[in-house]
C-alpha atoms as a PDB file:
ATOM      1  CA  MET A   1     178.727  44.250  39.829  1.00  0.00           C
ATOM      2  CA  ALA A   2     178.192  40.589  40.506  1.00  0.00           C
ATOM      3  CA  ASN A   3     174.685  41.318  41.863  1.00  0.00           C
ATOM      4  CA  PHE A   4     173.745  43.296  38.935  1.00  0.00           C
ATOM      5  CA  GLU A   5     175.161  40.519  36.331  1.00  0.00           C
ATOM      6  CA  THR A   6     172.603  38.261  38.585  1.00  0.00           C
ATOM      7  CA  GLY A   7     169.802  40.873  37.878  1.00  0.00           C
ATOM      8  CA  VAL A   8     170.686  41.305  34.263  1.00  0.00           C
ATOM      9  CA  GLY A   9     170.363  37.651  33.892  1.00  0.00           C
ATOM     10  CA  TYR A  10     166.934  37.405  35.692  1.00  0.00           C
ATOM     11  CA  PHE A  11     165.643  39.967  32.845  1.00  0.00           C
ATOM     12  CA  LYS A  12     166.804  38.024  30.214  1.00  0.00           C
ATOM     13  CA  GLU A  13     165.086  34.974  31.437  1.00  0.00           C
ATOM     14  CA  GLY A  14     161.579  36.893  31.901  1.00  0.00           C
ATOM     15  CA  LYS A  15     162.117  36.981  35.973  1.00  0.00           C
ATOM     16  CA  PHE A  16     161.251  40.453  36.125  1.00  0.00           C
ATOM     17  CA  LYS A  17     160.221  40.460  40.130  1.00  0.00           C
ATOM     18  CA  GLU A  18     163.730  38.925  40.804  1.00  0.00           C
ATOM     19  CA  ALA A  19     165.463  41.415  38.332  1.00  0.00           C
ATOM     20  CA  LEU A  20     163.674  44.367  40.194  1.00  0.00           C
ATOM     21  CA  ASP A  21     164.377  43.307  43.715  1.00  0.00           C
ATOM     22  CA  THR A  22     168.273  42.636  42.997  1.00  0.00           C
ATOM     23  CA  VAL A  23     168.594  46.047  41.133  1.00  0.00           C
ATOM     24  CA  ASN A  24     167.257  47.640  44.112  1.00  0.00           C
ATOM     25  CA  ALA A  25     170.012  46.073  46.237  1.00  0.00           C
ATOM     26  CA  CYS A  26     172.383  47.331  43.914  1.00  0.00           C
ATOM     27  CA  ILE A  27     171.044  50.976  43.782  1.00  0.00           C
ATOM     28  CA  GLU A  28     170.938  50.668  48.053  1.00  0.00           C
ATOM     29  CA  ASN A  29     174.357  50.245  47.686  1.00  0.00           C
ATOM     30  CA  ASP A  30     175.430  52.759  44.962  1.00  0.00           C
ATOM     31  CA  VAL A  31     172.956  54.898  44.931  1.00  0.00           C
ATOM     32  CA  LYS A  32     174.752  57.332  42.290  1.00  0.00           C
ATOM     33  CA  ASN A  33     175.325  54.618  39.775  1.00  0.00           C
ATOM     34  CA  THR A  34     173.027  55.765  37.180  1.00  0.00           C
ATOM     35  CA  GLU A  35     173.042  52.416  34.900  1.00  0.00           C
ATOM     36  CA  TYR A  36     171.084  50.721  37.846  1.00  0.00           C
ATOM     37  CA  TYR A  37     168.584  53.220  37.398  1.00  0.00           C
ATOM     38  CA  PHE A  38     168.480  52.856  33.841  1.00  0.00           C
ATOM     39  CA  PHE A  39     168.148  49.065  34.185  1.00  0.00           C
ATOM     40  CA  ARG A  40     165.386  49.295  36.462  1.00  0.00           C
ATOM     41  CA  ALA A  41     163.806  51.595  34.392  1.00  0.00           C
ATOM     42  CA  ARG A  42     163.242  48.981  31.843  1.00  0.00           C
ATOM     43  CA  VAL A  43     162.525  46.279  34.383  1.00  0.00           C
ATOM     44  CA  HIS A  44     159.651  48.730  35.343  1.00  0.00           C
ATOM     45  CA  SER A  45     158.381  48.849  32.194  1.00  0.00           C
ATOM     46  CA  ARG A  46     158.568  45.064  31.274  1.00  0.00           C
ATOM     47  CA  MET A  47     156.444  44.760  34.656  1.00  0.00           C
ATOM     48  CA  GLY A  48     153.904  47.403  33.421  1.00  0.00           C
ATOM     49  CA  ASN A  49     155.053  49.665  36.243  1.00  0.00           C
ATOM     50  CA  PHE A  50     154.966  52.694  33.760  1.00  0.00           C
ATOM     51  CA  SER A  51     154.737  55.660  36.338  1.00  0.00           C
ATOM     52  CA  LEU A  52     157.814  54.124  38.247  1.00  0.00           C
ATOM     53  CA  ALA A  53     159.904  53.548  35.036  1.00  0.00           C
ATOM     54  CA  LEU A  54     159.009  57.360  34.161  1.00  0.00           C
ATOM     55  CA  GLU A  55     159.857  58.310  37.636  1.00  0.00           C
ATOM     56  CA  ASP A  56     163.598  56.663  36.806  1.00  0.00           C
ATOM     57  CA  PHE A  57     163.751  58.136  33.488  1.00  0.00           C
ATOM     58  CA  ASP A  58     163.010  61.572  34.975  1.00  0.00           C
ATOM     59  CA  TYR A  59     165.833  60.967  37.545  1.00  0.00           C
ATOM     60  CA  LEU A  60     168.428  60.227  34.638  1.00  0.00           C
ATOM     61  CA  ILE A  61     167.536  63.324  32.715  1.00  0.00           C
ATOM     62  CA  GLN A  62     168.463  65.648  35.490  1.00  0.00           C
ATOM     63  CA  PHE A  63     172.152  64.020  34.999  1.00  0.00           C
ATOM     64  CA  GLU A  64     172.362  63.928  31.104  1.00  0.00           C
ATOM     65  CA  PRO A  65     169.380  66.031  29.725  1.00  0.00           C
ATOM     66  CA  TYR A  66     170.639  65.523  26.102  1.00  0.00           C
ATOM     67  CA  ASN A  67     170.858  61.940  26.158  1.00  0.00           C
ATOM     68  CA  PRO A  68     168.921  60.815  23.081  1.00  0.00           C
ATOM     69  CA  SER A  69     168.717  57.157  24.519  1.00  0.00           C
ATOM     70  CA  TYR A  70     167.408  58.523  27.489  1.00  0.00           C
ATOM     71  CA  ILE A  71     164.803  60.628  25.958  1.00  0.00           C
ATOM     72  CA  SER A  72     163.411  57.897  23.322  1.00  0.00           C
ATOM     73  CA  ASP A  73     162.849  55.446  26.100  1.00  0.00           C
ATOM     74  CA  ARG A  74     160.981  58.103  28.140  1.00  0.00           C
ATOM     75  CA  ALA A  75     159.035  58.771  25.165  1.00  0.00           C
ATOM     76  CA  VAL A  76     158.169  55.172  25.071  1.00  0.00           C
ATOM     77  CA  VAL A  77     156.837  55.173  28.366  1.00  0.00           C
ATOM     78  CA  LEU A  78     154.797  58.347  28.000  1.00  0.00           C
ATOM     79  CA  HIS A  79     152.971  56.815  25.271  1.00  0.00           C
ATOM     80  CA  LEU A  80     152.314  53.840  27.090  1.00  0.00           C
ATOM     81  CA  LEU A  81     151.083  56.178  29.781  1.00  0.00           C
ATOM     82  CA  LYS A  82     148.567  57.639  27.005  1.00  0.00           C
ATOM     83  CA  ARG A  83     150.738  61.172  26.900  1.00  0.00           C
ATOM     84  CA  ASN A  84     150.921  61.074  23.616  1.00  0.00           C
ATOM     85  CA  GLU A  85     151.608  64.930  22.848  1.00  0.00           C
ATOM     86  CA  GLU A  86     154.441  64.788  25.343  1.00  0.00           C
ATOM     87  CA  ALA A  87     155.676  61.550  23.645  1.00  0.00           C
ATOM     88  CA  ALA A  88     155.539  62.850  20.098  1.00  0.00           C
ATOM     89  CA  ALA A  89     157.729  66.072  21.708  1.00  0.00           C
ATOM     90  CA  GLU A  90     160.216  63.625  22.876  1.00  0.00           C
ATOM     91  CA  PHE A  91     160.583  61.763  20.131  1.00  0.00           C
ATOM     92  CA  ASP A  92     161.224  64.725  18.270  1.00  0.00           C
ATOM     93  CA  ARG A  93     163.943  66.136  20.547  1.00  0.00           C
ATOM     94  CA  ALA A  94     165.825  62.825  20.361  1.00  0.00           C
ATOM     95  CA  LEU A  95     165.706  62.749  16.622  1.00  0.00           C
ATOM     96  CA  ASN A  96     166.845  66.572  16.676  1.00  0.00           C
ATOM     97  CA  LEU A  97     169.553  65.613  18.699  1.00  0.00           C
ATOM     98  CA  GLU A  98     170.896  62.934  16.593  1.00  0.00           C
ATOM     99  CA  PRO A  99     169.592  63.623  13.099  1.00  0.00           C
ATOM    100  CA  GLY A 100     172.274  61.731  11.544  1.00  0.00           C
ATOM    101  CA  ASN A 101     170.930  58.643  12.829  1.00  0.00           C
ATOM    102  CA  PRO A 102     168.388  56.603  10.943  1.00  0.00           C
ATOM    103  CA  TYR A 103     167.332  54.592  13.703  1.00  0.00           C
ATOM    104  CA  ARG A 104     165.653  57.989  15.222  1.00  0.00           C
ATOM    105  CA  TYR A 105     163.485  57.966  12.333  1.00  0.00           C
ATOM    106  CA  SER A 106     162.522  54.515  12.774  1.00  0.00           C
ATOM    107  CA  SER A 107     161.503  54.832  16.316  1.00  0.00           C
ATOM    108  CA  ARG A 108     159.357  57.757  15.853  1.00  0.00           C
ATOM    109  CA  ALA A 109     158.174  55.802  12.836  1.00  0.00           C
ATOM    110  CA  TYR A 110     156.892  53.266  15.286  1.00  0.00           C
ATOM    111  CA  PHE A 111     155.380  55.444  17.580  1.00  0.00           C
ATOM    112  CA  LYS A 112     153.239  57.170  14.834  1.00  0.00           C
ATOM    113  CA  ASP A 113     152.162  53.908  13.508  1.00  0.00           C
ATOM    114  CA  ARG A 114     150.943  53.104  16.891  1.00  0.00           C
ATOM    115  CA  ILE A 115     148.924  56.286  17.288  1.00  0.00           C
ATOM    116  CA  GLY A 116     147.092  56.170  13.796  1.00  0.00           C
ATOM    117  CA  ASP A 117     149.495  58.662  11.982  1.00  0.00           C
ATOM    118  CA  PHE A 118     150.294  55.966   8.936  1.00  0.00           C
ATOM    119  CA  GLN A 119     151.502  58.653   6.482  1.00  0.00           C
ATOM    120  CA  GLY A 120     153.942  60.252   9.083  1.00  0.00           C
ATOM    121  CA  ALA A 121     155.202  56.784  10.142  1.00  0.00           C
ATOM    122  CA  LEU A 122     155.671  55.815   6.330  1.00  0.00           C
ATOM    123  CA  ASP A 123     157.604  59.103   5.703  1.00  0.00           C
ATOM    124  CA  ASP A 124     159.967  58.338   8.653  1.00  0.00           C
ATOM    125  CA  TYR A 125     160.500  54.783   7.758  1.00  0.00           C
ATOM    126  CA  ASP A 126     161.529  56.252   4.198  1.00  0.00           C
ATOM    127  CA  LYS A 127     163.761  58.349   5.713  1.00  0.00           C
ATOM    128  CA  ALA A 128     165.317  56.025   7.720  1.00  0.00           C
ATOM    129  CA  ILE A 129     165.786  53.335   4.634  1.00  0.00           C
ATOM    130  CA  GLU A 130     167.251  56.034   2.636  1.00  0.00           C
ATOM    131  CA  MET A 131     169.787  56.689   5.174  1.00  0.00           C
ATOM    132  CA  ASP A 132     170.461  52.787   5.971  1.00  0.00           C
ATOM    133  CA  PRO A 133     169.053  50.563   3.039  1.00  0.00           C
ATOM    134  CA  GLU A 134     169.935  47.423   5.180  1.00  0.00           C
ATOM    135  CA  ASP A 135     167.891  47.522   7.832  1.00  0.00           C
ATOM    136  CA  ALA A 136     165.476  44.697   7.750  1.00  0.00           C
ATOM    137  CA  VAL A 137     163.379  45.811  10.411  1.00  0.00           C
ATOM    138  CA  ALA A 138     162.569  49.123   8.895  1.00  0.00           C
ATOM    139  CA  TYR A 139     161.527  47.412   5.852  1.00  0.00           C
ATOM    140  CA  ASN A 140     159.285  45.068   7.855  1.00  0.00           C
ATOM    141  CA  ASN A 141     157.455  47.588   9.674  1.00  0.00           C
ATOM    142  CA  ARG A 142     157.418  49.956   6.711  1.00  0.00           C
ATOM    143  CA  GLY A 143     155.490  47.158   5.003  1.00  0.00           C
ATOM    144  CA  LEU A 144     153.141  47.128   7.429  1.00  0.00           C
ATOM    145  CA  VAL A 145     151.935  50.301   7.498  1.00  0.00           C
ATOM    146  CA  GLU A 146     151.730  50.127   3.662  1.00  0.00           C
ATOM    147  CA  GLU A 147     149.572  47.246   4.038  1.00  0.00           C
ATOM    148  CA  LYS A 148     147.442  49.248   6.820  1.00  0.00           C
ATOM    149  CA  MET A 149     147.135  52.157   3.987  1.00  0.00           C
ATOM    150  CA  GLY A 150     145.913  49.608   1.440  1.00  0.00           C
ATOM    151  CA  HIS A 151     149.162  49.553  -0.817  1.00  0.00           C
ATOM    152  CA  ILE A 152     149.397  45.770  -1.190  1.00  0.00           C
ATOM    153  CA  SER A 153     151.791  45.762  -3.943  1.00  0.00           C
ATOM    154  CA  ARG A 154     154.121  48.113  -2.292  1.00  0.00           C
ATOM    155  CA  SER A 155     154.101  46.264   1.061  1.00  0.00           C
ATOM    156  CA  LYS A 156     154.862  42.826  -0.621  1.00  0.00           C
ATOM    157  CA  LYS A 157     158.083  44.634  -1.889  1.00  0.00           C
ATOM    158  CA  SER A 158     158.796  45.757   1.548  1.00  0.00           C
ATOM    159  CA  PHE A 159     158.460  42.046   3.044  1.00  0.00           C
ATOM    160  CA  GLU A 160     160.252  40.804   0.358  1.00  0.00           C
ATOM    161  CA  LYS A 161     163.176  43.250   0.951  1.00  0.00           C
ATOM    162  CA  ALA A 162     162.894  42.610   4.447  1.00  0.00           C
ATOM    163  CA  ASP A 163     162.996  38.674   4.017  1.00  0.00           C
ATOM    164  CA  GLU A 164     166.204  39.033   1.789  1.00  0.00           C
ATOM    165  CA  LEU A 165     167.991  41.048   4.118  1.00  0.00           C
ATOM    166  CA  VAL A 166     167.396  38.692   6.727  1.00  0.00           C
ATOM    167  CA  GLY A 167     167.881  35.463   4.660  1.00  0.00           C
ATOM    168  CA  TYR A 168     164.377  34.116   4.360  1.00  0.00           C
ATOM    169  CA  LYS A 169     163.254  32.551   1.129  1.00  0.00           C
ATOM    170  CA  SER A 170     159.566  32.425   1.015  1.00  0.00           C
ATOM    171  CA  ASN A 171     157.855  29.188  -0.653  1.00  0.00           C
ATOM    172  CA  GLN A 172     154.537  31.427  -0.899  1.00  0.00           C
ATOM    173  CA  ASN A 173     153.445  32.147  -4.401  1.00  0.00           C
ATOM    174  CA  THR A 174     149.998  32.836  -4.472  1.00  0.00           C
ATOM    175  CA  LYS A 175     148.434  36.402  -3.277  1.00  0.00           C
ATOM    176  CA  SER A 176     146.236  34.868  -0.846  1.00  0.00           C
ATOM    177  CA  ASP A 177     149.252  32.750   0.743  1.00  0.00           C
ATOM    178  CA  LEU A 178     151.598  35.989   0.701  1.00  0.00           C
ATOM    179  CA  THR A 179     148.477  37.951   2.392  1.00  0.00           C
ATOM    180  CA  GLN A 180     147.803  35.487   5.110  1.00  0.00           C
ATOM    181  CA  GLN A 181     151.582  35.234   5.942  1.00  0.00           C
ATOM    182  CA  SER A 182     151.803  39.287   6.053  1.00  0.00           C
ATOM    183  CA  GLU A 183     148.818  39.169   8.636  1.00  0.00           C
ATOM    184  CA  HIS A 184     151.270  37.251  10.870  1.00  0.00           C
ATOM    185  CA  ARG A 185     153.889  40.118  10.528  1.00  0.00           C
ATOM    186  CA  LYS A 186     154.598  42.127  13.929  1.00  0.00           C
ATOM    187  CA  PRO A 187     156.522  45.393  14.464  1.00  0.00           C
ATOM    188  CA  GLU A 188     159.540  45.292  16.439  1.00  0.00           C
ATOM    189  CA  PHE A 189     162.738  46.503  17.683  1.00  0.00           C
ATOM    190  CA  THR A 190     164.800  43.468  17.481  1.00  0.00           C
ATOM    191  CA  MET A 191     167.548  42.361  19.735  1.00  0.00           C
ATOM    192  CA  PRO A 192     171.366  42.404  18.244  1.00  0.00           C
ATOM    193  CA  LYS A 193     172.059  39.687  15.672  1.00  0.00           C
ATOM    194  CA  GLN A 194     174.284  37.938  18.055  1.00  0.00           C
ATOM    195  CA  GLU A 195     171.336  37.121  20.029  1.00  0.00           C
ATOM    196  CA  ASN A 196     169.078  36.435  17.023  1.00  0.00           C
ATOM    197  CA  SER A 197     172.021  33.890  15.730  1.00  0.00           C
ATOM    198  CA  GLY A 198     171.898  31.944  19.042  1.00  0.00           C
ATOM    199  CA  ARG A 199     175.358  32.744  19.886  1.00  0.00           C
ATOM    200  CA  THR A 200     175.682  33.980  23.528  1.00  0.00           C
ATOM    201  CA  VAL A 201     176.324  37.931  24.385  1.00  0.00           C
ATOM    202  CA  SER A 202     178.642  38.852  26.893  1.00  0.00           C
ATOM    203  CA  PHE A 203     177.426  40.723  29.861  1.00  0.00           C
ATOM    204  CA  GLU A 204     179.535  43.713  28.715  1.00  0.00           C
ATOM    205  CA  LYS A 205     177.778  43.528  25.151  1.00  0.00           C
ATOM    206  CA  TYR A 206     174.624  43.198  26.970  1.00  0.00           C
ATOM    207  CA  MET A 207     174.927  46.307  28.855  1.00  0.00           C
ATOM    208  CA  LYS A 208     175.920  47.931  25.898  1.00  0.00           C
ATOM    209  CA  ILE A 209     172.960  47.060  24.259  1.00  0.00           C
ATOM    210  CA  PHE A 210     171.092  49.044  27.442  1.00  0.00           C
ATOM    211  CA  LYS A 211     173.091  51.815  26.798  1.00  0.00           C
ATOM    212  CA  LYS A 212     172.529  52.267  23.049  1.00  0.00           C
ATOM    213  CA  VAL A 213     169.260  51.947  22.750  1.00  0.00           C
ATOM    214  CA  PHE A 214     167.933  53.044  19.452  1.00  0.00           C
ATOM    215  CA  THR A 215     171.202  54.104  18.573  1.00  0.00           C
ATOM    216  CA  ASP A 216     171.849  51.529  15.589  1.00  0.00           C
ATOM    217  CA  LYS A 217     170.704  48.493  14.049  1.00  0.00           C
ATOM    218  CA  SER A 218     172.333  46.242  16.083  1.00  0.00           C
ATOM    219  CA  THR A 219     170.859  47.483  19.377  1.00  0.00           C
ATOM    220  CA  TRP A 220     167.330  48.461  18.776  1.00  0.00           C
ATOM    221  CA  SER A 221     165.981  48.357  22.231  1.00  0.00           C
ATOM    222  CA  GLU A 222     164.137  45.022  24.222  1.00  0.00           C
ATOM    223  CA  PHE A 223     162.693  48.081  25.959  1.00  0.00           C
ATOM    224  CA  VAL A 224     159.270  47.624  23.679  1.00  0.00           C
ATOM    225  CA  GLU A 225     159.467  43.785  22.631  1.00  0.00           C
ATOM    226  CA  PHE A 226     156.192  43.382  24.745  1.00  0.00           C
ATOM    227  CA  ILE A 227     154.373  45.196  22.133  1.00  0.00           C
ATOM    228  CA  GLY A 228     155.588  42.537  19.408  1.00  0.00           C
ATOM    229  CA  SER A 229     158.225  40.055  18.473  1.00  0.00           C
ATOM    230  CA  GLY A 230     159.701  39.035  15.260  1.00  0.00           C
ATOM    231  CA  LEU A 231     159.896  40.218  11.653  1.00  0.00           C
ATOM    232  CA  LYS A 232     156.528  38.185  10.854  1.00  0.00           C
ATOM    233  CA  GLY A 233     155.357  34.593  12.461  1.00  0.00           C
ATOM    234  CA  LYS A 234     156.667  32.067   9.845  1.00  0.00           C
ATOM    235  CA  LYS A 235     159.033  29.653   9.616  1.00  0.00           C
ATOM    236  CA  PRO A 236     161.782  28.960   7.258  1.00  0.00           C
END
Protein backbone atom coordinates (compact mmCIF):
# COMPACT_ATOMS: atom_id res chain seq x y z
CA MET A 1 0.00 0.00 0.00
CA ALA A 2 2.93 2.32 0.66
CA ASN A 3 3.93 2.22 -3.01
CA PHE A 4 0.37 2.91 -4.05
CA GLU A 5 0.23 5.88 -1.69
CA THR A 6 3.38 7.17 -3.37
CA GLY A 7 1.67 6.86 -6.75
CA VAL A 8 -1.34 8.81 -5.51
CA GLY A 9 1.05 11.48 -4.26
CA TYR A 10 2.65 11.72 -7.69
CA PHE A 11 -0.79 12.06 -9.25
CA LYS A 12 -1.73 14.92 -6.93
CA GLU A 13 1.53 16.67 -7.85
CA GLY A 14 0.85 16.28 -11.56
CA LYS A 15 3.68 13.76 -12.02
CA PHE A 16 1.61 11.40 -14.12
CA LYS A 17 4.47 9.39 -15.64
CA GLU A 18 5.79 8.60 -12.18
CA ALA A 19 2.25 7.78 -10.98
CA LEU A 20 1.78 5.41 -13.90
CA ASP A 21 5.09 3.61 -13.29
CA THR A 22 4.19 3.22 -9.63
CA VAL A 23 0.69 1.86 -10.16
CA ASN A 24 1.94 -0.53 -12.85
CA ALA A 25 4.38 -1.93 -10.29
CA CYS A 26 1.51 -2.28 -7.82
CA ILE A 27 -0.55 -4.19 -10.37
CA GLU A 28 2.34 -6.55 -11.04
CA ASN A 29 2.37 -7.40 -7.34
CA ASP A 30 -1.42 -7.69 -7.03
CA VAL A 31 -3.14 -8.28 -10.36
CA LYS A 32 -6.58 -8.69 -8.78
CA ASN A 33 -6.74 -5.35 -7.00
CA THR A 34 -9.45 -3.36 -8.82
CA GLU A 35 -8.53 -0.16 -6.97
CA TYR A 36 -5.21 -0.14 -8.81
CA TYR A 37 -6.90 -0.44 -12.20
CA PHE A 38 -9.34 2.33 -11.33
CA PHE A 39 -6.46 4.59 -10.39
CA ARG A 40 -4.47 3.64 -13.50
CA ALA A 41 -7.46 4.47 -15.69
CA ARG A 42 -7.46 7.95 -14.18
CA VAL A 43 -3.74 8.36 -14.75
CA HIS A 44 -4.05 7.26 -18.37
CA SER A 45 -6.86 9.75 -18.85
CA ARG A 46 -4.85 12.63 -17.45
CA MET A 47 -2.00 11.66 -19.78
CA GLY A 48 -4.31 11.58 -22.79
CA ASN A 49 -4.07 7.79 -23.12
CA PHE A 50 -7.80 7.46 -23.55
CA SER A 51 -7.79 4.08 -25.29
CA LEU A 52 -5.74 2.59 -22.46
CA ALA A 53 -8.04 4.19 -19.90
CA LEU A 54 -11.00 2.61 -21.67
CA GLU A 55 -9.33 -0.79 -21.51
CA ASP A 56 -9.02 -0.47 -17.74
CA PHE A 57 -12.63 0.62 -17.33
CA ASP A 58 -13.80 -2.26 -19.53
CA TYR A 59 -11.82 -4.60 -17.31
CA LEU A 60 -13.36 -3.14 -14.14
CA ILE A 61 -16.90 -3.33 -15.49
CA GLN A 62 -16.45 -7.06 -16.08
CA PHE A 63 -16.37 -7.40 -12.29
CA GLU A 64 -18.89 -4.69 -11.41
CA PRO A 65 -21.17 -4.17 -14.41
CA TYR A 66 -23.60 -2.02 -12.44
CA ASN A 67 -21.10 0.27 -10.73
CA PRO A 68 -22.31 3.80 -11.68
CA SER A 69 -18.95 5.39 -10.90
CA TYR A 70 -17.14 3.13 -13.35
CA ILE A 71 -19.88 3.70 -15.91
CA SER A 72 -19.73 7.49 -15.56
CA ASP A 73 -15.97 7.60 -15.84
CA ARG A 74 -16.09 5.27 -18.82
CA ALA A 75 -18.64 7.59 -20.43
CA VAL A 76 -16.23 10.52 -20.10
CA VAL A 77 -13.48 8.51 -21.80
CA LEU A 78 -15.83 7.54 -24.61
CA HIS A 79 -16.66 11.21 -25.10
CA LEU A 80 -12.98 12.14 -25.23
CA LEU A 81 -12.55 9.43 -27.87
CA LYS A 82 -15.39 11.16 -29.81
CA ARG A 83 -17.67 8.15 -29.37
CA ASN A 84 -20.52 10.33 -28.20
CA GLU A 85 -23.44 8.02 -28.91
CA GLU A 86 -21.89 5.38 -26.70
CA ALA A 87 -21.02 7.99 -24.09
CA ALA A 88 -24.60 9.26 -24.00
CA ALA A 89 -25.90 5.75 -23.45
CA GLU A 90 -23.46 5.23 -20.56
CA PHE A 91 -24.40 8.51 -18.88
CA ASP A 92 -28.04 7.47 -19.18
CA ARG A 93 -27.24 4.07 -17.73
CA ALA A 94 -25.42 5.55 -14.74
CA LEU A 95 -28.36 7.84 -14.06
CA ASN A 96 -30.85 5.00 -14.38
CA LEU A 97 -28.86 3.07 -11.79
CA GLU A 98 -28.99 6.02 -9.38
CA PRO A 99 -32.05 8.12 -10.29
CA GLY A 100 -32.12 9.67 -6.84
CA ASN A 101 -28.58 11.04 -7.14
CA PRO A 102 -28.61 14.67 -8.39
CA TYR A 103 -25.00 14.49 -9.47
CA ARG A 104 -25.82 11.92 -12.12
CA TYR A 105 -27.90 14.67 -13.72
CA SER A 106 -25.06 17.17 -13.36
CA SER A 107 -22.51 14.87 -14.95
CA ARG A 108 -24.83 14.14 -17.88
CA ALA A 109 -25.57 17.85 -18.19
CA TYR A 110 -21.85 18.58 -18.44
CA PHE A 111 -21.57 16.09 -21.28
CA LYS A 112 -24.62 17.50 -23.07
CA ASP A 113 -23.18 20.99 -22.83
CA ARG A 114 -19.92 19.83 -24.46
CA ILE A 115 -21.72 18.22 -27.39
CA GLY A 116 -23.92 21.26 -27.98
CA ASP A 117 -27.19 19.99 -26.54
CA PHE A 118 -27.72 23.14 -24.47
CA GLN A 119 -31.40 22.63 -23.75
CA GLY A 120 -30.75 19.08 -22.60
CA ALA A 121 -27.91 20.30 -20.40
CA LEU A 122 -30.12 23.04 -18.95
CA ASP A 123 -32.89 20.56 -18.16
CA ASP A 124 -30.45 18.26 -16.38
CA TYR A 125 -28.89 21.10 -14.36
CA ASP A 126 -32.37 22.27 -13.40
CA LYS A 127 -33.15 18.76 -12.14
CA ALA A 128 -29.88 18.52 -10.24
CA ILE A 129 -30.50 21.87 -8.56
CA GLU A 130 -34.07 20.91 -7.74
CA MET A 131 -32.74 17.84 -5.96
CA ASP A 132 -29.84 19.69 -4.27
CA PRO A 133 -30.29 23.47 -4.20
CA GLU A 134 -26.93 23.99 -2.46
CA ASP A 135 -24.69 22.75 -5.27
CA ALA A 136 -22.66 25.78 -6.36
CA VAL A 137 -21.03 23.91 -9.25
CA ALA A 138 -24.39 23.08 -10.82
CA TYR A 139 -25.50 26.72 -10.55
CA ASN A 140 -22.23 27.91 -12.07
CA ASN A 141 -22.36 25.46 -14.95
CA ARG A 142 -26.04 26.15 -15.55
CA GLY A 143 -25.17 29.83 -15.82
CA LEU A 144 -22.63 29.05 -18.52
CA VAL A 145 -25.24 27.13 -20.51
CA GLU A 146 -27.79 29.92 -20.08
CA GLU A 147 -25.21 32.40 -21.31
CA LYS A 148 -24.56 30.32 -24.42
CA MET A 149 -28.30 30.24 -25.07
CA GLY A 150 -28.50 34.03 -24.81
CA HIS A 151 -30.34 34.06 -21.46
CA ILE A 152 -28.07 36.69 -19.94
CA SER A 153 -30.30 37.78 -17.08
CA ARG A 154 -30.92 34.18 -16.08
CA SER A 155 -27.22 33.34 -16.28
CA LYS A 156 -26.40 36.31 -14.06
CA LYS A 157 -28.77 34.97 -11.41
CA SER A 158 -27.21 31.51 -11.63
CA PHE A 159 -23.70 32.94 -11.26
CA GLU A 160 -24.78 35.08 -8.32
CA LYS A 161 -26.28 32.05 -6.61
CA ALA A 162 -23.09 30.07 -7.18
CA ASP A 163 -21.06 32.94 -5.70
CA GLU A 164 -23.39 33.13 -2.72
CA LEU A 165 -23.02 29.42 -2.01
CA VAL A 166 -19.22 29.56 -2.10
CA GLY A 167 -19.10 32.77 -0.08
CA TYR A 168 -17.85 35.07 -2.83
CA LYS A 169 -18.99 38.71 -2.82
CA SER A 170 -18.56 40.55 -6.11
CA ASN A 171 -17.49 44.17 -6.36
CA GLN A 172 -18.58 44.30 -9.99
CA ASN A 173 -21.57 46.61 -10.47
CA THR A 174 -21.89 47.31 -14.16
CA LYS A 175 -23.34 45.04 -16.80
CA SER A 176 -20.15 45.16 -18.84
CA ASP A 177 -18.03 44.21 -15.85
CA LEU A 178 -20.35 41.34 -15.00
CA THR A 179 -20.26 40.10 -18.57
CA GLN A 180 -16.47 40.31 -18.59
CA GLN A 181 -16.27 38.35 -15.36
CA SER A 182 -18.61 35.63 -16.60
CA GLU A 183 -16.42 35.10 -19.66
CA HIS A 184 -13.73 33.75 -17.34
CA ARG A 185 -15.94 31.14 -15.76
CA LYS A 186 -15.15 27.54 -16.55
CA PRO A 187 -17.28 24.47 -15.96
CA GLU A 188 -15.72 22.00 -13.60
CA PHE A 189 -16.20 18.95 -11.47
CA THR A 190 -14.66 20.26 -8.28
CA MET A 191 -12.53 18.50 -5.74
CA PRO A 192 -13.75 18.19 -2.16
CA LYS A 193 -14.17 21.28 0.01
CA GLN A 194 -11.30 20.09 2.21
CA GLU A 195 -8.94 20.47 -0.73
CA ASN A 196 -10.30 23.85 -1.73
CA SER A 197 -10.02 25.23 1.79
CA GLY A 198 -6.33 24.38 1.94
CA ARG A 199 -6.65 21.63 4.53
CA THR A 200 -4.79 18.39 4.01
CA VAL A 201 -6.83 15.38 2.96
CA SER A 202 -5.71 12.03 4.35
CA PHE A 203 -4.75 9.23 2.01
CA GLU A 204 -7.83 7.26 3.08
CA LYS A 205 -10.06 10.23 2.25
CA TYR A 206 -8.28 10.74 -1.06
CA MET A 207 -8.93 7.16 -2.09
CA LYS A 208 -12.59 7.53 -1.16
CA ILE A 209 -12.67 10.37 -3.68
CA PHE A 210 -11.52 7.97 -6.38
CA LYS A 211 -14.10 5.38 -5.38
CA LYS A 212 -17.02 7.83 -5.19
CA VAL A 213 -16.71 9.67 -8.49
CA PHE A 214 -19.87 11.61 -9.39
CA THR A 215 -21.51 10.39 -6.17
CA ASP A 216 -22.15 13.55 -4.16
CA LYS A 217 -21.19 17.18 -4.01
CA SER A 218 -18.09 16.55 -1.88
CA THR A 219 -16.67 14.05 -4.35
CA TRP A 220 -16.95 15.62 -7.79
CA SER A 221 -14.52 13.87 -10.07
CA GLU A 222 -10.99 15.12 -10.62
CA PHE A 223 -11.16 12.87 -13.65
CA VAL A 224 -12.13 15.68 -16.05
CA GLU A 225 -10.34 18.50 -14.24
CA PHE A 226 -8.07 18.96 -17.27
CA ILE A 227 -11.11 20.19 -19.23
CA GLY A 228 -11.50 23.24 -16.99
CA SER A 229 -10.78 24.50 -13.51
CA GLY A 230 -12.38 26.83 -11.04
CA LEU A 231 -15.90 28.15 -10.80
CA LYS A 232 -14.59 31.24 -12.58
CA GLY A 233 -11.28 33.00 -12.90
CA LYS A 234 -11.89 35.89 -10.56
CA LYS A 235 -10.23 36.64 -7.25
CA PRO A 236 -12.04 37.77 -4.11
